[in-house]
Amino acid sequence: MPVIGFLSLEQKQHLQQLLKQSVRSEMRERVLILLLMNDGRTQEEIATLIGCSRRTVAYWCVHGDPDTIESLEDGRRKREYRKVNQVYIDKLLEIVEKEPSDLSLGYFYVPCCYHS
């Protein structure tokens, strides 16, 4: 059974402000889940209303902390980093310009087109 009014007035106002200002749709969805929960909606109703799975709603109902906005962030975003740097790009462009036979890769180059 949903708990109505579990958010304090300050938490609710802060989440409403975040809902209006956030440019990321997934963050708005998570905030909306908490606000709808506060209004007494069931997880099934929330999932139907915002068009996501009930599992998503259940996850953010448990893990979303209205006092810690970082809890609404996806942990995978924190691990994002550039896998390709400029040194790698320069080396790749250098290698692409060479003939395969000049690379000394230890195997024979076989052309991709065959003559009949």
PDB file of N, CA and C in Angstrom:
ATOM      1  N   MET A   1       0.836  -1.179   0.000  1.00  0.00           N
ATOM      2  CA  MET A   1       0.000   0.000   0.000  1.00  0.00           C
ATOM      3  C   MET A   1       0.880   1.241   0.000  1.00  0.00           C
ATOM      4  N   PRO A   2       0.598   2.204  -0.872  1.00  0.00           N
ATOM      5  CA  PRO A   2       1.429   3.397  -0.964  1.00  0.00           C
ATOM      6  C   PRO A   2       1.315   4.275   0.277  1.00  0.00           C
ATOM      7  N   VAL A   3       2.407   4.970   0.548  1.00  0.00           N
ATOM      8  CA  VAL A   3       2.443   5.889   1.677  1.00  0.00           C
ATOM      9  C   VAL A   3       2.234   7.300   1.129  1.00  0.00           C
ATOM     10  N   ILE A   4       1.174   7.945   1.565  1.00  0.00           N
ATOM     11  CA  ILE A   4       0.856   9.287   1.079  1.00  0.00           C
ATOM     12  C   ILE A   4       1.582  10.311   1.938  1.00  0.00           C
ATOM     13  N   GLY A   5       2.205  11.269   1.281  1.00  0.00           N
ATOM     14  CA  GLY A   5       2.823  12.383   1.981  1.00  0.00           C
ATOM     15  C   GLY A   5       4.083  12.051   2.748  1.00  0.00           C
ATOM     16  N   PHE A   6       4.902  11.130   2.241  1.00  0.00           N
ATOM     17  CA  PHE A   6       6.137  10.793   2.944  1.00  0.00           C
ATOM     18  C   PHE A   6       7.226  11.845   2.738  1.00  0.00           C
ATOM     19  N   LEU A   7       7.060  12.702   1.729  1.00  0.00           N
ATOM     20  CA  LEU A   7       8.027  13.768   1.483  1.00  0.00           C
ATOM     21  C   LEU A   7       7.689  14.994   2.330  1.00  0.00           C
ATOM     22  N   SER A   8       8.726  15.639   2.842  1.00  0.00           N
ATOM     23  CA  SER A   8       8.495  16.905   3.538  1.00  0.00           C
ATOM     24  C   SER A   8       8.201  17.975   2.493  1.00  0.00           C
ATOM     25  N   LEU A   9       7.707  19.108   2.927  1.00  0.00           N
ATOM     26  CA  LEU A   9       7.395  20.202   2.009  1.00  0.00           C
ATOM     27  C   LEU A   9       8.643  20.655   1.255  1.00  0.00           C
ATOM     28  N   GLU A  10       9.778  20.731   1.962  1.00  0.00           N
ATOM     29  CA  GLU A  10      11.036  21.149   1.313  1.00  0.00           C
ATOM     30  C   GLU A  10      11.488  20.135   0.269  1.00  0.00           C
ATOM     31  N   GLN A  11      11.380  18.838   0.606  1.00  0.00           N
ATOM     32  CA  GLN A  11      11.767  17.794  -0.342  1.00  0.00           C
ATOM     33  C   GLN A  11      10.885  17.857  -1.590  1.00  0.00           C
ATOM     34  N   LYS A  12       9.604  18.021  -1.382  1.00  0.00           N
ATOM     35  CA  LYS A  12       8.661  18.066  -2.497  1.00  0.00           C
ATOM     36  C   LYS A  12       8.950  19.271  -3.387  1.00  0.00           C
ATOM     37  N   GLN A  13       9.175  20.428  -2.798  1.00  0.00           N
ATOM     38  CA  GLN A  13       9.478  21.629  -3.582  1.00  0.00           C
ATOM     39  C   GLN A  13      10.787  21.473  -4.344  1.00  0.00           C
ATOM     40  N   HIS A  14      11.774  20.872  -3.689  1.00  0.00           N
ATOM     41  CA  HIS A  14      13.067  20.663  -4.350  1.00  0.00           C
ATOM     42  C   HIS A  14      12.924  19.711  -5.539  1.00  0.00           C
ATOM     43  N   LEU A  15      12.165  18.635  -5.358  1.00  0.00           N
ATOM     44  CA  LEU A  15      11.952  17.687  -6.455  1.00  0.00           C
ATOM     45  C   LEU A  15      11.145  18.323  -7.592  1.00  0.00           C
ATOM     46  N   GLN A  16      10.167  19.149  -7.255  1.00  0.00           N
ATOM     47  CA  GLN A  16       9.388  19.826  -8.289  1.00  0.00           C
ATOM     48  C   GLN A  16      10.278  20.791  -9.081  1.00  0.00           C
ATOM     49  N   GLN A  17      11.159  21.475  -8.389  1.00  0.00           N
ATOM     50  CA  GLN A  17      12.100  22.382  -9.063  1.00  0.00           C
ATOM     51  C   GLN A  17      13.029  21.595  -9.989  1.00  0.00           C
ATOM     52  N   LEU A  18      13.527  20.462  -9.495  1.00  0.00           N
ATOM     53  CA  LEU A  18      14.399  19.609 -10.291  1.00  0.00           C
ATOM     54  C   LEU A  18      13.661  19.067 -11.512  1.00  0.00           C
ATOM     55  N   LEU A  19      12.397  18.725 -11.338  1.00  0.00           N
ATOM     56  CA  LEU A  19      11.579  18.222 -12.444  1.00  0.00           C
ATOM     57  C   LEU A  19      11.474  19.269 -13.551  1.00  0.00           C
ATOM     58  N   LYS A  20      11.338  20.521 -13.176  1.00  0.00           N
ATOM     59  CA  LYS A  20      11.213  21.607 -14.153  1.00  0.00           C
ATOM     60  C   LYS A  20      12.535  21.936 -14.826  1.00  0.00           C
ATOM     61  N   GLN A  21      13.640  21.827 -14.099  1.00  0.00           N
ATOM     62  CA  GLN A  21      14.921  22.314 -14.607  1.00  0.00           C
ATOM     63  C   GLN A  21      15.791  21.257 -15.270  1.00  0.00           C
ATOM     64  N   SER A  22      15.569  20.002 -14.960  1.00  0.00           N
ATOM     65  CA  SER A  22      16.449  18.962 -15.474  1.00  0.00           C
ATOM     66  C   SER A  22      16.283  18.803 -16.985  1.00  0.00           C
ATOM     67  N   VAL A  23      17.407  18.721 -17.661  1.00  0.00           N
ATOM     68  CA  VAL A  23      17.383  18.532 -19.113  1.00  0.00           C
ATOM     69  C   VAL A  23      17.418  17.048 -19.477  1.00  0.00           C
ATOM     70  N   ARG A  24      17.757  16.205 -18.523  1.00  0.00           N
ATOM     71  CA  ARG A  24      17.849  14.768 -18.793  1.00  0.00           C
ATOM     72  C   ARG A  24      16.524  14.086 -18.487  1.00  0.00           C
ATOM     73  N   SER A  25      15.994  13.415 -19.473  1.00  0.00           N
ATOM     74  CA  SER A  25      14.678  12.787 -19.337  1.00  0.00           C
ATOM     75  C   SER A  25      14.658  11.693 -18.270  1.00  0.00           C
ATOM     76  N   GLU A  26      15.749  10.931 -18.155  1.00  0.00           N
ATOM     77  CA  GLU A  26      15.751   9.871 -17.154  1.00  0.00           C
ATOM     78  C   GLU A  26      15.721  10.434 -15.731  1.00  0.00           C
ATOM     79  N   MET A  27      16.335  11.587 -15.517  1.00  0.00           N
ATOM     80  CA  MET A  27      16.287  12.224 -14.201  1.00  0.00           C
ATOM     81  C   MET A  27      14.873  12.727 -13.903  1.00  0.00           C
ATOM     82  N   ARG A  28      14.220  13.323 -14.913  1.00  0.00           N
ATOM     83  CA  ARG A  28      12.840  13.781 -14.729  1.00  0.00           C
ATOM     84  C   ARG A  28      11.917  12.607 -14.421  1.00  0.00           C
ATOM     85  N   GLU A  29      12.137  11.479 -15.078  1.00  0.00           N
ATOM     86  CA  GLU A  29      11.325  10.286 -14.840  1.00  0.00           C
ATOM     87  C   GLU A  29      11.472   9.818 -13.393  1.00  0.00           C
ATOM     88  N   ARG A  30      12.679   9.789 -12.886  1.00  0.00           N
ATOM     89  CA  ARG A  30      12.926   9.313 -11.523  1.00  0.00           C
ATOM     90  C   ARG A  30      12.332  10.253 -10.485  1.00  0.00           C
ATOM     91  N   VAL A  31      12.445  11.550 -10.731  1.00  0.00           N
ATOM     92  CA  VAL A  31      11.847  12.537  -9.832  1.00  0.00           C
ATOM     93  C   VAL A  31      10.329  12.384  -9.849  1.00  0.00           C
ATOM     94  N   LEU A  32       9.774  12.211 -11.029  1.00  0.00           N
ATOM     95  CA  LEU A  32       8.331  12.052 -11.163  1.00  0.00           C
ATOM     96  C   LEU A  32       7.845  10.804 -10.427  1.00  0.00           C
ATOM     97  N   ILE A  33       8.626   9.742 -10.460  1.00  0.00           N
ATOM     98  CA  ILE A  33       8.276   8.525  -9.727  1.00  0.00           C
ATOM     99  C   ILE A  33       8.129   8.835  -8.236  1.00  0.00           C
ATOM    100  N   LEU A  34       9.098   9.558  -7.680  1.00  0.00           N
ATOM    101  CA  LEU A  34       9.032   9.898  -6.250  1.00  0.00           C
ATOM    102  C   LEU A  34       7.843  10.797  -5.939  1.00  0.00           C
ATOM    103  N   LEU A  35       7.584  11.773  -6.818  1.00  0.00           N
ATOM    104  CA  LEU A  35       6.456  12.677  -6.577  1.00  0.00           C
ATOM    105  C   LEU A  35       5.116  11.948  -6.669  1.00  0.00           C
ATOM    106  N   LEU A  36       4.983  11.045  -7.610  1.00  0.00           N
ATOM    107  CA  LEU A  36       3.743  10.280  -7.744  1.00  0.00           C
ATOM    108  C   LEU A  36       3.569   9.305  -6.579  1.00  0.00           C
ATOM    109  N   MET A  37       4.680   8.749  -6.107  1.00  0.00           N
ATOM    110  CA  MET A  37       4.612   7.893  -4.923  1.00  0.00           C
ATOM    111  C   MET A  37       4.102   8.692  -3.723  1.00  0.00           C
ATOM    112  N   ASN A  38       4.588   9.917  -3.615  1.00  0.00           N
ATOM    113  CA  ASN A  38       4.188  10.794  -2.516  1.00  0.00           C
ATOM    114  C   ASN A  38       2.690  11.105  -2.573  1.00  0.00           C
ATOM    115  N   ASP A  39       2.130  11.103  -3.773  1.00  0.00           N
ATOM    116  CA  ASP A  39       0.698  11.368  -3.940  1.00  0.00           C
ATOM    117  C   ASP A  39      -0.159  10.125  -3.688  1.00  0.00           C
ATOM    118  N   GLY A  40       0.478   8.992  -3.395  1.00  0.00           N
ATOM    119  CA  GLY A  40      -0.269   7.787  -3.061  1.00  0.00           C
ATOM    120  C   GLY A  40      -0.535   6.867  -4.226  1.00  0.00           C
ATOM    121  N   ARG A  41       0.127   7.086  -5.354  1.00  0.00           N
ATOM    122  CA  ARG A  41      -0.055   6.194  -6.507  1.00  0.00           C
ATOM    123  C   ARG A  41       0.677   4.880  -6.275  1.00  0.00           C
ATOM    124  N   THR A  42       0.126   3.809  -6.790  1.00  0.00           N
ATOM    125  CA  THR A  42       0.792   2.505  -6.693  1.00  0.00           C
ATOM    126  C   THR A  42       1.878   2.423  -7.760  1.00  0.00           C
ATOM    127  N   GLN A  43       2.768   1.459  -7.593  1.00  0.00           N
ATOM    128  CA  GLN A  43       3.833   1.275  -8.578  1.00  0.00           C
ATOM    129  C   GLN A  43       3.253   0.954  -9.953  1.00  0.00           C
ATOM    130  N   GLU A  44       2.215   0.171  -9.988  1.00  0.00           N
ATOM    131  CA  GLU A  44       1.566  -0.180 -11.260  1.00  0.00           C
ATOM    132  C   GLU A  44       0.974   1.061 -11.920  1.00  0.00           C
ATOM    133  N   GLU A  45       0.328   1.905 -11.149  1.00  0.00           N
ATOM    134  CA  GLU A  45      -0.250   3.138 -11.693  1.00  0.00           C
ATOM    135  C   GLU A  45       0.839   4.062 -12.228  1.00  0.00           C
ATOM    136  N   ILE A  46       1.935   4.173 -11.494  1.00  0.00           N
ATOM    137  CA  ILE A  46       3.040   5.044 -11.921  1.00  0.00           C
ATOM    138  C   ILE A  46       3.633   4.517 -13.221  1.00  0.00           C
ATOM    139  N   ALA A  47       3.859   3.213 -13.289  1.00  0.00           N
ATOM    140  CA  ALA A  47       4.438   2.610 -14.492  1.00  0.00           C
ATOM    141  C   ALA A  47       3.545   2.851 -15.700  1.00  0.00           C
ATOM    142  N   THR A  48       2.258   2.692 -15.532  1.00  0.00           N
ATOM    143  CA  THR A  48       1.309   2.913 -16.626  1.00  0.00           C
ATOM    144  C   THR A  48       1.269   4.386 -17.020  1.00  0.00           C
ATOM    145  N   LEU A  49       1.275   5.252 -16.026  1.00  0.00           N
ATOM    146  CA  LEU A  49       1.175   6.685 -16.271  1.00  0.00           C
ATOM    147  C   LEU A  49       2.371   7.237 -17.031  1.00  0.00           C
ATOM    148  N   ILE A  50       3.576   6.861 -16.629  1.00  0.00           N
ATOM    149  CA  ILE A  50       4.755   7.440 -17.288  1.00  0.00           C
ATOM    150  C   ILE A  50       5.335   6.547 -18.376  1.00  0.00           C
ATOM    151  N   GLY A  51       4.780   5.350 -18.542  1.00  0.00           N
ATOM    152  CA  GLY A  51       5.183   4.495 -19.658  1.00  0.00           C
ATOM    153  C   GLY A  51       6.509   3.796 -19.469  1.00  0.00           C
ATOM    154  N   CYS A  52       6.754   3.309 -18.270  1.00  0.00           N
ATOM    155  CA  CYS A  52       7.969   2.530 -18.046  1.00  0.00           C
ATOM    156  C   CYS A  52       7.568   1.214 -17.372  1.00  0.00           C
ATOM    157  N   SER A  53       8.543   0.382 -17.099  1.00  0.00           N
ATOM    158  CA  SER A  53       8.220  -0.902 -16.482  1.00  0.00           C
ATOM    159  C   SER A  53       7.979  -0.744 -14.980  1.00  0.00           C
ATOM    160  N   ARG A  54       7.234  -1.669 -14.443  1.00  0.00           N
ATOM    161  CA  ARG A  54       6.995  -1.665 -13.003  1.00  0.00           C
ATOM    162  C   ARG A  54       8.294  -1.907 -12.256  1.00  0.00           C
ATOM    163  N   ARG A  55       9.165  -2.682 -12.855  1.00  0.00           N
ATOM    164  CA  ARG A  55      10.473  -2.962 -12.250  1.00  0.00           C
ATOM    165  C   ARG A  55      11.291  -1.680 -12.098  1.00  0.00           C
ATOM    166  N   THR A  56      11.245  -0.815 -13.106  1.00  0.00           N
ATOM    167  CA  THR A  56      11.939   0.469 -13.026  1.00  0.00           C
ATOM    168  C   THR A  56      11.386   1.306 -11.883  1.00  0.00           C
ATOM    169  N   VAL A  57      10.071   1.349 -11.783  1.00  0.00           N
ATOM    170  CA  VAL A  57       9.431   2.115 -10.713  1.00  0.00           C
ATOM    171  C   VAL A  57       9.826   1.542  -9.354  1.00  0.00           C
ATOM    172  N   ALA A  58       9.794   0.233  -9.219  1.00  0.00           N
ATOM    173  CA  ALA A  58      10.144  -0.402  -7.947  1.00  0.00           C
ATOM    174  C   ALA A  58      11.590  -0.100  -7.562  1.00  0.00           C
ATOM    175  N   TYR A  59      12.483  -0.129  -8.537  1.00  0.00           N
ATOM    176  CA  TYR A  59      13.898   0.142  -8.268  1.00  0.00           C
ATOM    177  C   TYR A  59      14.084   1.553  -7.715  1.00  0.00           C
ATOM    178  N   TRP A  60      13.484   2.533  -8.395  1.00  0.00           N
ATOM    179  CA  TRP A  60      13.706   3.922  -7.981  1.00  0.00           C
ATOM    180  C   TRP A  60      12.906   4.279  -6.729  1.00  0.00           C
ATOM    181  N   CYS A  61      11.842   3.542  -6.446  1.00  0.00           N
ATOM    182  CA  CYS A  61      11.124   3.743  -5.178  1.00  0.00           C
ATOM    183  C   CYS A  61      12.010   3.357  -4.005  1.00  0.00           C
ATOM    184  N   VAL A  62      12.824   2.333  -4.189  1.00  0.00           N
ATOM    185  CA  VAL A  62      13.701   1.872  -3.119  1.00  0.00           C
ATOM    186  C   VAL A  62      15.014   2.664  -3.086  1.00  0.00           C
ATOM    187  N   HIS A  63      15.599   2.911  -4.249  1.00  0.00           N
ATOM    188  CA  HIS A  63      16.935   3.507  -4.308  1.00  0.00           C
ATOM    189  C   HIS A  63      16.936   5.030  -4.420  1.00  0.00           C
ATOM    190  N   GLY A  64      15.833   5.627  -4.773  1.00  0.00           N
ATOM    191  CA  GLY A  64      15.781   7.078  -4.916  1.00  0.00           C
ATOM    192  C   GLY A  64      15.622   7.754  -3.564  1.00  0.00           C
ATOM    193  N   ASP A  65      16.594   8.548  -3.188  1.00  0.00           N
ATOM    194  CA  ASP A  65      16.553   9.273  -1.918  1.00  0.00           C
ATOM    195  C   ASP A  65      16.252  10.736  -2.206  1.00  0.00           C
ATOM    196  N   PRO A  66      15.111  11.252  -1.764  1.00  0.00           N
ATOM    197  CA  PRO A  66      14.753  12.638  -2.070  1.00  0.00           C
ATOM    198  C   PRO A  66      15.703  13.670  -1.459  1.00  0.00           C
ATOM    199  N   ASP A  67      16.474  13.272  -0.451  1.00  0.00           N
ATOM    200  CA  ASP A  67      17.434  14.188   0.160  1.00  0.00           C
ATOM    201  C   ASP A  67      18.769  14.198  -0.573  1.00  0.00           C
ATOM    202  N   THR A  68      19.045  13.163  -1.339  1.00  0.00           N
ATOM    203  CA  THR A  68      20.311  13.049  -2.050  1.00  0.00           C
ATOM    204  C   THR A  68      20.024  12.895  -3.538  1.00  0.00           C
ATOM    205  N   ILE A  69      20.101  13.980  -4.242  1.00  0.00           N
ATOM    206  CA  ILE A  69      19.793  13.966  -5.673  1.00  0.00           C
ATOM    207  C   ILE A  69      20.745  13.042  -6.428  1.00  0.00           C
ATOM    208  N   GLU A  70      21.969  12.876  -5.927  1.00  0.00           N
ATOM    209  CA  GLU A  70      22.924  11.980  -6.581  1.00  0.00           C
ATOM    210  C   GLU A  70      22.414  10.540  -6.605  1.00  0.00           C
ATOM    211  N   SER A  71      21.520  10.199  -5.680  1.00  0.00           N
ATOM    212  CA  SER A  71      20.975   8.837  -5.670  1.00  0.00           C
ATOM    213  C   SER A  71      20.094   8.587  -6.892  1.00  0.00           C
ATOM    214  N   LEU A  72      19.616   9.654  -7.519  1.00  0.00           N
ATOM    215  CA  LEU A  72      18.789   9.511  -8.717  1.00  0.00           C
ATOM    216  C   LEU A  72      19.629   9.427  -9.989  1.00  0.00           C
ATOM    217  N   GLU A  73      20.927   9.642  -9.836  1.00  0.00           N
ATOM    218  CA  GLU A  73      21.830   9.521 -10.982  1.00  0.00           C
ATOM    219  C   GLU A  73      22.079   8.050 -11.269  1.00  0.00           C
ATOM    220  N   ASP A  74      22.321   7.759 -12.520  1.00  0.00           N
ATOM    221  CA  ASP A  74      22.665   6.405 -12.904  1.00  0.00           C
ATOM    222  C   ASP A  74      24.149   6.204 -12.633  1.00  0.00           C
ATOM    223  N   GLY A  75      24.493   5.193 -11.868  1.00  0.00           N
ATOM    224  CA  GLY A  75      25.887   4.942 -11.518  1.00  0.00           C
ATOM    225  C   GLY A  75      26.783   4.714 -12.710  1.00  0.00           C
ATOM    226  N   ARG A  76      26.204   4.249 -13.806  1.00  0.00           N
ATOM    227  CA  ARG A  76      27.026   4.010 -15.002  1.00  0.00           C
ATOM    228  C   ARG A  76      27.568   5.304 -15.579  1.00  0.00           C
ATOM    229  N   ARG A  77      26.868   6.403 -15.409  1.00  0.00           N
ATOM    230  CA  ARG A  77      27.323   7.673 -15.947  1.00  0.00           C
ATOM    231  C   ARG A  77      28.607   8.142 -15.265  1.00  0.00           C
ATOM    232  N   LYS A  78      28.798   7.771 -14.016  1.00  0.00           N
ATOM    233  CA  LYS A  78      30.003   8.165 -13.297  1.00  0.00           C
ATOM    234  C   LYS A  78      31.238   7.506 -13.885  1.00  0.00           C
ATOM    235  N   ARG A  79      31.065   6.332 -14.466  1.00  0.00           N
ATOM    236  CA  ARG A  79      32.204   5.590 -15.009  1.00  0.00           C
ATOM    237  C   ARG A  79      32.501   5.946 -16.457  1.00  0.00           C
ATOM    238  N   GLU A  80      31.756   6.859 -17.015  1.00  0.00           N
ATOM    239  CA  GLU A  80      32.017   7.227 -18.399  1.00  0.00           C
ATOM    240  C   GLU A  80      33.349   7.944 -18.509  1.00  0.00           C
ATOM    241  N   TYR A  81      34.121   7.545 -19.433  1.00  0.00           N
ATOM    242  CA  TYR A  81      35.374   8.214 -19.679  1.00  0.00           C
ATOM    243  C   TYR A  81      35.721   8.004 -21.142  1.00  0.00           C
ATOM    244  N   ARG A  82      36.596   8.829 -21.634  1.00  0.00           N
ATOM    245  CA  ARG A  82      36.979   8.710 -23.039  1.00  0.00           C
ATOM    246  C   ARG A  82      37.925   7.542 -23.201  1.00  0.00           C
ATOM    247  N   LYS A  83      37.551   6.628 -24.022  1.00  0.00           N
ATOM    248  CA  LYS A  83      38.388   5.468 -24.258  1.00  0.00           C
ATOM    249  C   LYS A  83      39.410   5.755 -25.349  1.00  0.00           C
ATOM    250  N   VAL A  84      39.136   6.734 -26.152  1.00  0.00           N
ATOM    251  CA  VAL A  84      40.036   7.078 -27.241  1.00  0.00           C
ATOM    252  C   VAL A  84      40.596   8.466 -26.970  1.00  0.00           C
ATOM    253  N   ASN A  85      41.920   8.563 -26.951  1.00  0.00           N
ATOM    254  CA  ASN A  85      42.533   9.875 -26.781  1.00  0.00           C
ATOM    255  C   ASN A  85      43.196  10.300 -28.092  1.00  0.00           C
ATOM    256  N   GLN A  86      43.765  11.464 -28.106  1.00  0.00           N
ATOM    257  CA  GLN A  86      44.333  12.012 -29.333  1.00  0.00           C
ATOM    258  C   GLN A  86      45.521  11.184 -29.829  1.00  0.00           C
ATOM    259  N   VAL A  87      46.322  10.654 -28.927  1.00  0.00           N
ATOM    260  CA  VAL A  87      47.464   9.818 -29.316  1.00  0.00           C
ATOM    261  C   VAL A  87      46.969   8.599 -30.084  1.00  0.00           C
ATOM    262  N   TYR A  88      45.905   7.978 -29.593  1.00  0.00           N
ATOM    263  CA  TYR A  88      45.335   6.806 -30.253  1.00  0.00           C
ATOM    264  C   TYR A  88      44.813   7.165 -31.643  1.00  0.00           C
ATOM    265  N   ILE A  89      44.121   8.287 -31.746  1.00  0.00           N
ATOM    266  CA  ILE A  89      43.573   8.728 -33.033  1.00  0.00           C
ATOM    267  C   ILE A  89      44.687   8.981 -34.036  1.00  0.00           C
ATOM    268  N   ASP A  90      45.758   9.652 -33.592  1.00  0.00           N
ATOM    269  CA  ASP A  90      46.893   9.935 -34.487  1.00  0.00           C
ATOM    270  C   ASP A  90      47.533   8.645 -34.982  1.00  0.00           C
ATOM    271  N   LYS A  91      47.722   7.685 -34.085  1.00  0.00           N
ATOM    272  CA  LYS A  91      48.324   6.400 -34.458  1.00  0.00           C
ATOM    273  C   LYS A  91      47.416   5.640 -35.424  1.00  0.00           C
ATOM    274  N   LEU A  92      46.132   5.662 -35.171  1.00  0.00           N
ATOM    275  CA  LEU A  92      45.178   5.000 -36.051  1.00  0.00           C
ATOM    276  C   LEU A  92      45.208   5.600 -37.455  1.00  0.00           C
ATOM    277  N   LEU A  93      45.220   6.909 -37.547  1.00  0.00           N
ATOM    278  CA  LEU A  93      45.271   7.565 -38.854  1.00  0.00           C
ATOM    279  C   LEU A  93      46.577   7.260 -39.582  1.00  0.00           C
ATOM    280  N   GLU A  94      47.656   7.157 -38.837  1.00  0.00           N
ATOM    281  CA  GLU A  94      48.952   6.809 -39.433  1.00  0.00           C
ATOM    282  C   GLU A  94      48.917   5.396 -40.009  1.00  0.00           C
ATOM    283  N   ILE A  95      48.334   4.471 -39.278  1.00  0.00           N
ATOM    284  CA  ILE A  95      48.276   3.077 -39.712  1.00  0.00           C
ATOM    285  C   ILE A  95      47.344   2.906 -40.905  1.00  0.00           C
ATOM    286  N   VAL A  96      46.259   3.621 -40.942  1.00  0.00           N
ATOM    287  CA  VAL A  96      45.299   3.503 -42.038  1.00  0.00           C
ATOM    288  C   VAL A  96      45.932   3.924 -43.361  1.00  0.00           C
ATOM    289  N   GLU A  97      46.841   4.845 -43.315  1.00  0.00           N
ATOM    290  CA  GLU A  97      47.502   5.332 -44.532  1.00  0.00           C
ATOM    291  C   GLU A  97      48.496   4.322 -45.112  1.00  0.00           C
ATOM    292  N   LYS A  98      48.947   3.365 -44.331  1.00  0.00           N
ATOM    293  CA  LYS A  98      49.965   2.414 -44.774  1.00  0.00           C
ATOM    294  C   LYS A  98      49.332   1.231 -45.504  1.00  0.00           C
ATOM    295  N   GLU A  99      50.147   0.574 -46.283  1.00  0.00           N
ATOM    296  CA  GLU A  99      49.752  -0.668 -46.930  1.00  0.00           C
ATOM    297  C   GLU A  99      49.820  -1.786 -45.895  1.00  0.00           C
ATOM    298  N   PRO A 100      48.940  -2.745 -45.945  1.00  0.00           N
ATOM    299  CA  PRO A 100      48.970  -3.843 -44.977  1.00  0.00           C
ATOM    300  C   PRO A 100      50.304  -4.592 -44.962  1.00  0.00           C
ATOM    301  N   SER A 101      50.933  -4.724 -46.108  1.00  0.00           N
ATOM    302  CA  SER A 101      52.212  -5.444 -46.168  1.00  0.00           C
ATOM    303  C   SER A 101      53.316  -4.684 -45.451  1.00  0.00           C
ATOM    304  N   ASP A 102      53.181  -3.384 -45.275  1.00  0.00           N
ATOM    305  CA  ASP A 102      54.197  -2.582 -44.592  1.00  0.00           C
ATOM    306  C   ASP A 102      54.087  -2.656 -43.063  1.00  0.00           C
ATOM    307  N   LEU A 103      53.056  -3.283 -42.558  1.00  0.00           N
ATOM    308  CA  LEU A 103      52.815  -3.283 -41.123  1.00  0.00           C
ATOM    309  C   LEU A 103      53.504  -4.422 -40.370  1.00  0.00           C
ATOM    310  N   SER A 104      54.055  -5.408 -41.077  1.00  0.00           N
ATOM    311  CA  SER A 104      54.759  -6.539 -40.463  1.00  0.00           C
ATOM    312  C   SER A 104      53.910  -7.223 -39.398  1.00  0.00           C
ATOM    313  N   LEU A 105      52.726  -7.616 -39.783  1.00  0.00           N
ATOM    314  CA  LEU A 105      51.820  -8.235 -38.838  1.00  0.00           C
ATOM    315  C   LEU A 105      52.014  -9.740 -38.709  1.00  0.00           C
ATOM    316  N   GLY A 106      52.875 -10.327 -39.533  1.00  0.00           N
ATOM    317  CA  GLY A 106      53.158 -11.743 -39.387  1.00  0.00           C
ATOM    318  C   GLY A 106      52.190 -12.657 -40.108  1.00  0.00           C
ATOM    319  N   TYR A 107      51.348 -12.137 -40.950  1.00  0.00           N
ATOM    320  CA  TYR A 107      50.474 -12.978 -41.750  1.00  0.00           C
ATOM    321  C   TYR A 107      50.391 -12.383 -43.151  1.00  0.00           C
ATOM    322  N   PHE A 108      49.858 -13.152 -44.058  1.00  0.00           N
ATOM    323  CA  PHE A 108      49.810 -12.732 -45.447  1.00  0.00           C
ATOM    324  C   PHE A 108      48.546 -11.922 -45.703  1.00  0.00           C
ATOM    325  N   TYR A 109      48.707 -10.917 -46.503  1.00  0.00           N
ATOM    326  CA  TYR A 109      47.573 -10.084 -46.908  1.00  0.00           C
ATOM    327  C   TYR A 109      46.866 -10.774 -48.054  1.00  0.00           C
ATOM    328  N   VAL A 110      45.592 -10.968 -47.921  1.00  0.00           N
ATOM    329  CA  VAL A 110      44.782 -11.593 -48.969  1.00  0.00           C
ATOM    330  C   VAL A 110      43.819 -10.532 -49.471  1.00  0.00           C
ATOM    331  N   PRO A 111      43.867 -10.207 -50.779  1.00  0.00           N
ATOM    332  CA  PRO A 111      42.943  -9.203 -51.293  1.00  0.00           C
ATOM    333  C   PRO A 111      41.496  -9.673 -51.146  1.00  0.00           C
ATOM    334  N   CYS A 112      40.607  -8.723 -50.976  1.00  0.00           N
ATOM    335  CA  CYS A 112      39.205  -9.072 -50.733  1.00  0.00           C
ATOM    336  C   CYS A 112      38.454  -9.387 -52.008  1.00  0.00           C
ATOM    337  N   CYS A 113      38.964  -9.013 -53.142  1.00  0.00           N
ATOM    338  CA  CYS A 113      38.225  -9.305 -54.385  1.00  0.00           C
ATOM    339  C   CYS A 113      38.938 -10.419 -55.157  1.00  0.00           C
ATOM    340  N   TYR A 114      38.150 -11.281 -55.719  1.00  0.00           N
ATOM    341  CA  TYR A 114      38.687 -12.433 -56.470  1.00  0.00           C
ATOM    342  C   TYR A 114      38.346 -12.277 -57.937  1.00  0.00           C
ATOM    343  N   HIS A 115      39.256 -12.755 -58.766  1.00  0.00           N
ATOM    344  CA  HIS A 115      39.016 -12.691 -60.216  1.00  0.00           C
ATOM    345  C   HIS A 115      38.553 -14.051 -60.698  1.00  0.00           C
ATOM    346  N   SER A 116      37.532 -14.059 -61.519  1.00  0.00           N
ATOM    347  CA  SER A 116      37.007 -15.332 -62.038  1.00  0.00           C
ATOM    348  C   SER A 116      37.661 -15.681 -63.323  1.00  0.00           C
TER     349      SER A 116
END
